[in-house]
Amino acid sequence: MTILNTILTVVFIILSVIITVVILMQEGKSAGLGAIAGAADTYWGKNKGRSMEGMLVKVTRVCVILFLVIAMVLDLGVWG
Protein backbone atom coordinates (compact mmCIF):
# COMPACT_ATOMS: atom_id res chain seq x y z
CA MET A 1 0.00 0.00 0.00
CA THR A 2 2.89 2.37 0.56
CA ILE A 3 3.95 2.13 -3.11
CA LEU A 4 0.45 3.15 -4.25
CA ASN A 5 0.44 5.92 -1.67
CA THR A 6 3.79 7.22 -2.96
CA ILE A 7 2.67 7.09 -6.59
CA LEU A 8 -0.57 8.93 -5.82
CA THR A 9 1.32 11.55 -3.82
CA VAL A 10 3.69 12.19 -6.73
CA VAL A 11 0.76 12.43 -9.18
CA PHE A 12 -0.99 14.74 -6.70
CA ILE A 13 2.00 17.10 -6.61
CA ILE A 14 2.37 17.06 -10.40
CA LEU A 15 -1.35 17.82 -10.79
CA SER A 16 -1.08 20.74 -8.40
CA VAL A 17 1.73 22.24 -10.48
CA ILE A 18 -0.21 21.65 -13.73
CA ILE A 19 -3.35 23.28 -12.28
CA THR A 20 -1.33 26.30 -11.16
CA VAL A 21 0.29 26.74 -14.58
CA VAL A 22 -2.95 26.26 -16.53
CA ILE A 23 -4.85 28.74 -14.35
CA LEU A 24 -2.10 31.33 -14.72
CA MET A 25 -2.20 30.89 -18.51
CA GLN A 26 -5.91 31.75 -18.68
CA GLU A 27 -7.17 35.23 -19.44
CA GLY A 28 -9.22 37.24 -17.01
CA LYS A 29 -13.00 36.92 -17.21
CA SER A 30 -13.69 40.65 -17.06
CA ALA A 31 -14.89 41.95 -20.40
CA GLY A 32 -13.74 45.51 -19.75
CA LEU A 33 -15.24 48.44 -21.62
CA GLY A 34 -15.99 46.27 -24.66
CA ALA A 35 -18.98 44.75 -22.86
CA ILE A 36 -20.67 48.15 -22.59
CA ALA A 37 -20.76 48.63 -26.36
CA GLY A 38 -21.66 45.01 -27.06
CA ALA A 39 -18.26 44.11 -28.49
CA ALA A 40 -18.10 40.97 -26.35
CA ASP A 41 -20.69 39.29 -28.58
CA THR A 42 -18.31 38.66 -31.48
CA TYR A 43 -17.37 35.57 -33.43
CA TRP A 44 -14.45 35.03 -31.03
CA GLY A 45 -16.76 35.25 -28.02
CA LYS A 46 -19.26 32.79 -29.48
CA ASN A 47 -16.63 30.18 -30.44
CA LYS A 48 -14.48 30.48 -27.35
CA GLY A 49 -14.93 26.76 -26.55
CA ARG A 50 -12.95 25.80 -29.65
CA SER A 51 -10.10 28.19 -28.93
CA MET A 52 -7.01 27.84 -26.79
CA GLU A 53 -8.87 29.50 -23.93
CA GLY A 54 -11.65 26.92 -24.17
CA MET A 55 -9.11 24.11 -24.13
CA LEU A 56 -7.45 25.57 -21.03
CA VAL A 57 -10.81 25.65 -19.25
CA LYS A 58 -11.46 22.00 -20.12
CA VAL A 59 -7.96 20.97 -18.99
CA THR A 60 -8.48 22.87 -15.74
CA ARG A 61 -11.77 21.08 -15.05
CA VAL A 62 -10.29 17.63 -15.69
CA CYS A 63 -7.20 18.33 -13.58
CA VAL A 64 -9.24 19.70 -10.68
CA ILE A 65 -11.55 16.67 -10.71
CA LEU A 66 -8.53 14.33 -10.69
CA PHE A 67 -6.94 16.43 -7.96
CA LEU A 68 -10.03 16.14 -5.74
CA VAL A 69 -10.43 12.40 -6.36
CA ILE A 70 -6.77 11.71 -5.56
CA ALA A 71 -7.00 13.92 -2.46
CA MET A 72 -9.96 11.87 -1.22
CA VAL A 73 -8.23 8.57 -1.99
CA LEU A 74 -5.08 9.68 -0.19
CA ASP A 75 -7.16 10.81 2.78
CA LEU A 76 -8.92 7.46 2.96
CA GLY A 77 -5.59 5.69 2.68
CA VAL A 78 -4.21 7.55 5.68
CA TRP A 79 -7.20 6.84 7.92
CA GLY A 80 -8.25 3.49 6.49
PDB file of N, CA and C in Angstrom:
ATOM      1  N   MET A   1       0.821  -1.198   0.000  1.00  0.00           N
ATOM      2  CA  MET A   1       0.000   0.000   0.000  1.00  0.00           C
ATOM      3  C   MET A   1       0.862   1.258   0.000  1.00  0.00           C
ATOM      4  N   THR A   2       2.049   1.183   0.508  1.00  0.00           N
ATOM      5  CA  THR A   2       2.894   2.373   0.557  1.00  0.00           C
ATOM      6  C   THR A   2       3.376   2.784  -0.839  1.00  0.00           C
ATOM      7  N   ILE A   3       3.537   1.799  -1.739  1.00  0.00           N
ATOM      8  CA  ILE A   3       3.948   2.130  -3.106  1.00  0.00           C
ATOM      9  C   ILE A   3       2.832   2.903  -3.799  1.00  0.00           C
ATOM     10  N   LEU A   4       1.595   2.446  -3.656  1.00  0.00           N
ATOM     11  CA  LEU A   4       0.455   3.147  -4.250  1.00  0.00           C
ATOM     12  C   LEU A   4       0.315   4.538  -3.643  1.00  0.00           C
ATOM     13  N   ASN A   5       0.512   4.634  -2.354  1.00  0.00           N
ATOM     14  CA  ASN A   5       0.436   5.921  -1.675  1.00  0.00           C
ATOM     15  C   ASN A   5       1.505   6.878  -2.209  1.00  0.00           C
ATOM     16  N   THR A   6       2.706   6.387  -2.432  1.00  0.00           N
ATOM     17  CA  THR A   6       3.794   7.215  -2.961  1.00  0.00           C
ATOM     18  C   THR A   6       3.495   7.667  -4.386  1.00  0.00           C
ATOM     19  N   ILE A   7       3.001   6.752  -5.203  1.00  0.00           N
ATOM     20  CA  ILE A   7       2.675   7.087  -6.591  1.00  0.00           C
ATOM     21  C   ILE A   7       1.565   8.144  -6.638  1.00  0.00           C
ATOM     22  N   LEU A   8       0.519   7.965  -5.835  1.00  0.00           N
ATOM     23  CA  LEU A   8      -0.575   8.932  -5.818  1.00  0.00           C
ATOM     24  C   LEU A   8      -0.113  10.285  -5.292  1.00  0.00           C
ATOM     25  N   THR A   9       0.799  10.282  -4.339  1.00  0.00           N
ATOM     26  CA  THR A   9       1.323  11.546  -3.822  1.00  0.00           C
ATOM     27  C   THR A   9       2.122  12.286  -4.892  1.00  0.00           C
ATOM     28  N   VAL A  10       2.922  11.566  -5.657  1.00  0.00           N
ATOM     29  CA  VAL A  10       3.693  12.191  -6.733  1.00  0.00           C
ATOM     30  C   VAL A  10       2.752  12.739  -7.808  1.00  0.00           C
ATOM     31  N   VAL A  11       1.746  11.967  -8.185  1.00  0.00           N
ATOM     32  CA  VAL A  11       0.762  12.434  -9.179  1.00  0.00           C
ATOM     33  C   VAL A  11       0.006  13.649  -8.642  1.00  0.00           C
ATOM     34  N   PHE A  12      -0.300  13.638  -7.352  1.00  0.00           N
ATOM     35  CA  PHE A  12      -0.993  14.743  -6.695  1.00  0.00           C
ATOM     36  C   PHE A  12      -0.167  16.031  -6.783  1.00  0.00           C
ATOM     37  N   ILE A  13       1.114  15.935  -6.538  1.00  0.00           N
ATOM     38  CA  ILE A  13       2.001  17.103  -6.606  1.00  0.00           C
ATOM     39  C   ILE A  13       2.128  17.593  -8.039  1.00  0.00           C
ATOM     40  N   ILE A  14       2.265  16.670  -8.990  1.00  0.00           N
ATOM     41  CA  ILE A  14       2.368  17.058 -10.402  1.00  0.00           C
ATOM     42  C   ILE A  14       1.081  17.739 -10.853  1.00  0.00           C
ATOM     43  N   LEU A  15      -0.073  17.203 -10.441  1.00  0.00           N
ATOM     44  CA  LEU A  15      -1.351  17.815 -10.794  1.00  0.00           C
ATOM     45  C   LEU A  15      -1.480  19.216 -10.212  1.00  0.00           C
ATOM     46  N   SER A  16      -0.995  19.413  -8.995  1.00  0.00           N
ATOM     47  CA  SER A  16      -1.085  20.742  -8.395  1.00  0.00           C
ATOM     48  C   SER A  16      -0.256  21.753  -9.169  1.00  0.00           C
ATOM     49  N   VAL A  17       0.903  21.343  -9.664  1.00  0.00           N
ATOM     50  CA  VAL A  17       1.727  22.237 -10.482  1.00  0.00           C
ATOM     51  C   VAL A  17       1.048  22.514 -11.824  1.00  0.00           C
ATOM     52  N   ILE A  18       0.483  21.479 -12.442  1.00  0.00           N
ATOM     53  CA  ILE A  18      -0.213  21.650 -13.728  1.00  0.00           C
ATOM     54  C   ILE A  18      -1.400  22.587 -13.576  1.00  0.00           C
ATOM     55  N   ILE A  19      -2.185  22.414 -12.510  1.00  0.00           N
ATOM     56  CA  ILE A  19      -3.345  23.282 -12.277  1.00  0.00           C
ATOM     57  C   ILE A  19      -2.895  24.730 -12.119  1.00  0.00           C
ATOM     58  N   THR A  20      -1.832  24.943 -11.363  1.00  0.00           N
ATOM     59  CA  THR A  20      -1.329  26.301 -11.161  1.00  0.00           C
ATOM     60  C   THR A  20      -0.908  26.936 -12.479  1.00  0.00           C
ATOM     61  N   VAL A  21      -0.183  26.205 -13.305  1.00  0.00           N
ATOM     62  CA  VAL A  21       0.286  26.742 -14.585  1.00  0.00           C
ATOM     63  C   VAL A  21      -0.877  27.019 -15.528  1.00  0.00           C
ATOM     64  N   VAL A  22      -1.818  26.090 -15.609  1.00  0.00           N
ATOM     65  CA  VAL A  22      -2.950  26.262 -16.531  1.00  0.00           C
ATOM     66  C   VAL A  22      -3.816  27.438 -16.111  1.00  0.00           C
ATOM     67  N   ILE A  23      -4.036  27.616 -14.825  1.00  0.00           N
ATOM     68  CA  ILE A  23      -4.849  28.740 -14.355  1.00  0.00           C
ATOM     69  C   ILE A  23      -4.139  30.059 -14.630  1.00  0.00           C
ATOM     70  N   LEU A  24      -2.834  30.095 -14.444  1.00  0.00           N
ATOM     71  CA  LEU A  24      -2.099  31.327 -14.717  1.00  0.00           C
ATOM     72  C   LEU A  24      -2.051  31.653 -16.208  1.00  0.00           C
ATOM     73  N   MET A  25      -2.202  30.661 -17.064  1.00  0.00           N
ATOM     74  CA  MET A  25      -2.200  30.890 -18.511  1.00  0.00           C
ATOM     75  C   MET A  25      -3.524  31.458 -19.012  1.00  0.00           C
ATOM     76  N   GLN A  26      -4.590  31.300 -18.238  1.00  0.00           N
ATOM     77  CA  GLN A  26      -5.907  31.751 -18.676  1.00  0.00           C
ATOM     78  C   GLN A  26      -6.032  33.264 -18.594  1.00  0.00           C
ATOM     79  N   GLU A  27      -6.891  33.795 -19.452  1.00  0.00           N
ATOM     80  CA  GLU A  27      -7.168  35.230 -19.441  1.00  0.00           C
ATOM     81  C   GLU A  27      -8.182  35.540 -18.358  1.00  0.00           C
ATOM     82  N   GLY A  28      -8.235  36.804 -17.978  1.00  0.00           N
ATOM     83  CA  GLY A  28      -9.223  37.241 -17.006  1.00  0.00           C
ATOM     84  C   GLY A  28     -10.622  37.169 -17.593  1.00  0.00           C
ATOM     85  N   LYS A  29     -11.614  37.034 -16.743  1.00  0.00           N
ATOM     86  CA  LYS A  29     -12.997  36.917 -17.211  1.00  0.00           C
ATOM     87  C   LYS A  29     -13.690  38.265 -17.354  1.00  0.00           C
ATOM     88  N   SER A  30     -13.058  39.336 -16.938  1.00  0.00           N
ATOM     89  CA  SER A  30     -13.692  40.654 -17.063  1.00  0.00           C
ATOM     90  C   SER A  30     -13.663  41.101 -18.523  1.00  0.00           C
ATOM     91  N   ALA A  31     -14.777  41.558 -19.001  1.00  0.00           N
ATOM     92  CA  ALA A  31     -14.892  41.953 -20.403  1.00  0.00           C
ATOM     93  C   ALA A  31     -14.383  43.368 -20.637  1.00  0.00           C
ATOM     94  N   GLY A  32     -14.244  44.152 -19.585  1.00  0.00           N
ATOM     95  CA  GLY A  32     -13.745  45.509 -19.747  1.00  0.00           C
ATOM     96  C   GLY A  32     -14.780  46.419 -20.359  1.00  0.00           C
ATOM     97  N   LEU A  33     -14.325  47.471 -21.022  1.00  0.00           N
ATOM     98  CA  LEU A  33     -15.237  48.443 -21.622  1.00  0.00           C
ATOM     99  C   LEU A  33     -15.906  47.907 -22.870  1.00  0.00           C
ATOM    100  N   GLY A  34     -15.391  46.839 -23.464  1.00  0.00           N
ATOM    101  CA  GLY A  34     -15.995  46.269 -24.664  1.00  0.00           C
ATOM    102  C   GLY A  34     -17.381  45.712 -24.411  1.00  0.00           C
ATOM    103  N   ALA A  35     -17.672  45.301 -23.180  1.00  0.00           N
ATOM    104  CA  ALA A  35     -18.982  44.746 -22.859  1.00  0.00           C
ATOM    105  C   ALA A  35     -20.062  45.819 -22.865  1.00  0.00           C
ATOM    106  N   ILE A  36     -19.687  47.064 -22.607  1.00  0.00           N
ATOM    107  CA  ILE A  36     -20.670  48.145 -22.594  1.00  0.00           C
ATOM    108  C   ILE A  36     -21.224  48.382 -23.998  1.00  0.00           C
ATOM    109  N   ALA A  37     -20.342  48.368 -24.984  1.00  0.00           N
ATOM    110  CA  ALA A  37     -20.757  48.634 -26.363  1.00  0.00           C
ATOM    111  C   ALA A  37     -21.248  47.379 -27.076  1.00  0.00           C
ATOM    112  N   GLY A  38     -21.208  46.233 -26.427  1.00  0.00           N
ATOM    113  CA  GLY A  38     -21.664  45.008 -27.060  1.00  0.00           C
ATOM    114  C   GLY A  38     -20.592  44.309 -27.864  1.00  0.00           C
ATOM    115  N   ALA A  39     -19.353  44.700 -27.713  1.00  0.00           N
ATOM    116  CA  ALA A  39     -18.259  44.108 -28.491  1.00  0.00           C
ATOM    117  C   ALA A  39     -17.915  42.707 -28.023  1.00  0.00           C
ATOM    118  N   ALA A  40     -18.413  42.296 -26.866  1.00  0.00           N
ATOM    119  CA  ALA A  40     -18.099  40.971 -26.350  1.00  0.00           C
ATOM    120  C   ALA A  40     -18.840  39.884 -27.126  1.00  0.00           C
ATOM    121  N   ASP A  41     -19.892  40.254 -27.845  1.00  0.00           N
ATOM    122  CA  ASP A  41     -20.691  39.288 -28.583  1.00  0.00           C
ATOM    123  C   ASP A  41     -20.177  39.179 -30.015  1.00  0.00           C
ATOM    124  N   THR A  42     -18.932  38.781 -30.168  1.00  0.00           N
ATOM    125  CA  THR A  42     -18.308  38.661 -31.479  1.00  0.00           C
ATOM    126  C   THR A  42     -18.164  37.191 -31.830  1.00  0.00           C
ATOM    127  N   TYR A  43     -17.628  36.943 -33.006  1.00  0.00           N
ATOM    128  CA  TYR A  43     -17.370  35.565 -33.433  1.00  0.00           C
ATOM    129  C   TYR A  43     -16.436  34.876 -32.443  1.00  0.00           C
ATOM    130  N   TRP A  44     -15.411  35.609 -31.982  1.00  0.00           N
ATOM    131  CA  TRP A  44     -14.454  35.035 -31.034  1.00  0.00           C
ATOM    132  C   TRP A  44     -15.151  34.671 -29.729  1.00  0.00           C
ATOM    133  N   GLY A  45     -16.055  35.522 -29.267  1.00  0.00           N
ATOM    134  CA  GLY A  45     -16.761  35.250 -28.019  1.00  0.00           C
ATOM    135  C   GLY A  45     -17.699  34.059 -28.127  1.00  0.00           C
ATOM    136  N   LYS A  46     -18.327  33.889 -29.301  1.00  0.00           N
ATOM    137  CA  LYS A  46     -19.263  32.787 -29.482  1.00  0.00           C
ATOM    138  C   LYS A  46     -18.562  31.444 -29.637  1.00  0.00           C
ATOM    139  N   ASN A  47     -17.356  31.429 -30.192  1.00  0.00           N
ATOM    140  CA  ASN A  47     -16.626  30.185 -30.437  1.00  0.00           C
ATOM    141  C   ASN A  47     -15.437  30.025 -29.495  1.00  0.00           C
ATOM    142  N   LYS A  48     -15.581  30.518 -28.299  1.00  0.00           N
ATOM    143  CA  LYS A  48     -14.478  30.476 -27.348  1.00  0.00           C
ATOM    144  C   LYS A  48     -14.165  29.039 -26.915  1.00  0.00           C
ATOM    145  N   GLY A  49     -15.141  28.146 -26.949  1.00  0.00           N
ATOM    146  CA  GLY A  49     -14.925  26.761 -26.548  1.00  0.00           C
ATOM    147  C   GLY A  49     -13.972  26.013 -27.460  1.00  0.00           C
ATOM    148  N   ARG A  50     -13.838  26.463 -28.701  1.00  0.00           N
ATOM    149  CA  ARG A  50     -12.948  25.798 -29.653  1.00  0.00           C
ATOM    150  C   ARG A  50     -11.558  26.419 -29.672  1.00  0.00           C
ATOM    151  N   SER A  51     -11.373  27.480 -28.924  1.00  0.00           N
ATOM    152  CA  SER A  51     -10.102  28.191 -28.933  1.00  0.00           C
ATOM    153  C   SER A  51      -9.154  27.623 -27.884  1.00  0.00           C
ATOM    154  N   MET A  52      -7.995  28.230 -27.798  1.00  0.00           N
ATOM    155  CA  MET A  52      -7.011  27.841 -26.787  1.00  0.00           C
ATOM    156  C   MET A  52      -7.557  28.092 -25.380  1.00  0.00           C
ATOM    157  N   GLU A  53      -8.286  29.187 -25.227  1.00  0.00           N
ATOM    158  CA  GLU A  53      -8.875  29.502 -23.925  1.00  0.00           C
ATOM    159  C   GLU A  53      -9.882  28.427 -23.510  1.00  0.00           C
ATOM    160  N   GLY A  54     -10.689  27.973 -24.455  1.00  0.00           N
ATOM    161  CA  GLY A  54     -11.649  26.919 -24.166  1.00  0.00           C
ATOM    162  C   GLY A  54     -10.967  25.619 -23.786  1.00  0.00           C
ATOM    163  N   MET A  55      -9.860  25.320 -24.463  1.00  0.00           N
ATOM    164  CA  MET A  55      -9.109  24.113 -24.131  1.00  0.00           C
ATOM    165  C   MET A  55      -8.508  24.214 -22.726  1.00  0.00           C
ATOM    166  N   LEU A  56      -8.017  25.393 -22.369  1.00  0.00           N
ATOM    167  CA  LEU A  56      -7.449  25.575 -21.033  1.00  0.00           C
ATOM    168  C   LEU A  56      -8.509  25.386 -19.949  1.00  0.00           C
ATOM    169  N   VAL A  57      -9.724  25.834 -20.215  1.00  0.00           N
ATOM    170  CA  VAL A  57     -10.811  25.654 -19.254  1.00  0.00           C
ATOM    171  C   VAL A  57     -11.127  24.169 -19.081  1.00  0.00           C
ATOM    172  N   LYS A  58     -11.174  23.433 -20.188  1.00  0.00           N
ATOM    173  CA  LYS A  58     -11.457  21.998 -20.119  1.00  0.00           C
ATOM    174  C   LYS A  58     -10.347  21.250 -19.382  1.00  0.00           C
ATOM    175  N   VAL A  59      -9.091  21.602 -19.665  1.00  0.00           N
ATOM    176  CA  VAL A  59      -7.956  20.969 -18.987  1.00  0.00           C
ATOM    177  C   VAL A  59      -8.006  21.270 -17.491  1.00  0.00           C
ATOM    178  N   THR A  60      -8.372  22.499 -17.146  1.00  0.00           N
ATOM    179  CA  THR A  60      -8.480  22.872 -15.736  1.00  0.00           C
ATOM    180  C   THR A  60      -9.535  22.033 -15.033  1.00  0.00           C
ATOM    181  N   ARG A  61     -10.686  21.871 -15.672  1.00  0.00           N
ATOM    182  CA  ARG A  61     -11.765  21.082 -15.055  1.00  0.00           C
ATOM    183  C   ARG A  61     -11.342  19.644 -14.822  1.00  0.00           C
ATOM    184  N   VAL A  62     -10.716  19.030 -15.821  1.00  0.00           N
ATOM    185  CA  VAL A  62     -10.293  17.633 -15.694  1.00  0.00           C
ATOM    186  C   VAL A  62      -9.234  17.489 -14.600  1.00  0.00           C
ATOM    187  N   CYS A  63      -8.275  18.402 -14.584  1.00  0.00           N
ATOM    188  CA  CYS A  63      -7.200  18.325 -13.585  1.00  0.00           C
ATOM    189  C   CYS A  63      -7.734  18.534 -12.171  1.00  0.00           C
ATOM    190  N   VAL A  64      -8.685  19.456 -12.013  1.00  0.00           N
ATOM    191  CA  VAL A  64      -9.245  19.698 -10.681  1.00  0.00           C
ATOM    192  C   VAL A  64     -10.045  18.493 -10.200  1.00  0.00           C
ATOM    193  N   ILE A  65     -10.790  17.873 -11.094  1.00  0.00           N
ATOM    194  CA  ILE A  65     -11.548  16.669 -10.706  1.00  0.00           C
ATOM    195  C   ILE A  65     -10.591  15.559 -10.286  1.00  0.00           C
ATOM    196  N   LEU A  66      -9.531  15.332 -11.075  1.00  0.00           N
ATOM    197  CA  LEU A  66      -8.531  14.325 -10.694  1.00  0.00           C
ATOM    198  C   LEU A  66      -7.861  14.678  -9.371  1.00  0.00           C
ATOM    199  N   PHE A  67      -7.565  15.951  -9.184  1.00  0.00           N
ATOM    200  CA  PHE A  67      -6.941  16.431  -7.957  1.00  0.00           C
ATOM    201  C   PHE A  67      -7.815  16.108  -6.747  1.00  0.00           C
ATOM    202  N   LEU A  68      -9.113  16.397  -6.857  1.00  0.00           N
ATOM    203  CA  LEU A  68     -10.029  16.135  -5.745  1.00  0.00           C
ATOM    204  C   LEU A  68     -10.189  14.644  -5.467  1.00  0.00           C
ATOM    205  N   VAL A  69     -10.278  13.852  -6.536  1.00  0.00           N
ATOM    206  CA  VAL A  69     -10.425  12.404  -6.356  1.00  0.00           C
ATOM    207  C   VAL A  69      -9.183  11.818  -5.687  1.00  0.00           C
ATOM    208  N   ILE A  70      -8.011  12.223  -6.158  1.00  0.00           N
ATOM    209  CA  ILE A  70      -6.775  11.709  -5.560  1.00  0.00           C
ATOM    210  C   ILE A  70      -6.633  12.181  -4.121  1.00  0.00           C
ATOM    211  N   ALA A  71      -7.052  13.416  -3.836  1.00  0.00           N
ATOM    212  CA  ALA A  71      -7.003  13.917  -2.457  1.00  0.00           C
ATOM    213  C   ALA A  71      -7.880  13.070  -1.541  1.00  0.00           C
ATOM    214  N   MET A  72      -9.071  12.703  -2.022  1.00  0.00           N
ATOM    215  CA  MET A  72      -9.962  11.874  -1.216  1.00  0.00           C
ATOM    216  C   MET A  72      -9.395  10.468  -1.028  1.00  0.00           C
ATOM    217  N   VAL A  73      -8.816   9.910  -2.084  1.00  0.00           N
ATOM    218  CA  VAL A  73      -8.228   8.568  -1.991  1.00  0.00           C
ATOM    219  C   VAL A  73      -7.046   8.569  -1.021  1.00  0.00           C
ATOM    220  N   LEU A  74      -6.220   9.590  -1.103  1.00  0.00           N
ATOM    221  CA  LEU A  74      -5.082   9.681  -0.192  1.00  0.00           C
ATOM    222  C   LEU A  74      -5.552   9.856   1.247  1.00  0.00           C
ATOM    223  N   ASP A  75      -6.625  10.618   1.436  1.00  0.00           N
ATOM    224  CA  ASP A  75      -7.155  10.807   2.783  1.00  0.00           C
ATOM    225  C   ASP A  75      -7.714   9.499   3.337  1.00  0.00           C
ATOM    226  N   LEU A  76      -8.402   8.748   2.515  1.00  0.00           N
ATOM    227  CA  LEU A  76      -8.925   7.457   2.964  1.00  0.00           C
ATOM    228  C   LEU A  76      -7.799   6.476   3.247  1.00  0.00           C
ATOM    229  N   GLY A  77      -6.731   6.569   2.466  1.00  0.00           N
ATOM    230  CA  GLY A  77      -5.587   5.689   2.675  1.00  0.00           C
ATOM    231  C   GLY A  77      -4.889   5.939   3.989  1.00  0.00           C
ATOM    232  N   VAL A  78      -4.872   7.199   4.414  1.00  0.00           N
ATOM    233  CA  VAL A  78      -4.213   7.551   5.676  1.00  0.00           C
ATOM    234  C   VAL A  78      -5.036   7.050   6.856  1.00  0.00           C
ATOM    235  N   TRP A  79      -6.351   7.208   6.795  1.00  0.00           N
ATOM    236  CA  TRP A  79      -7.198   6.838   7.923  1.00  0.00           C
ATOM    237  C   TRP A  79      -7.722   5.405   7.842  1.00  0.00           C
ATOM    238  N   GLY A  80      -7.656   4.809   6.655  1.00  0.00           N
ATOM    239  CA  GLY A  80      -8.247   3.487   6.491  1.00  0.00           C
ATOM    240  C   GLY A  80      -7.388   2.412   6.869  1.00  0.00           C
TER     241      GLY A  80
END
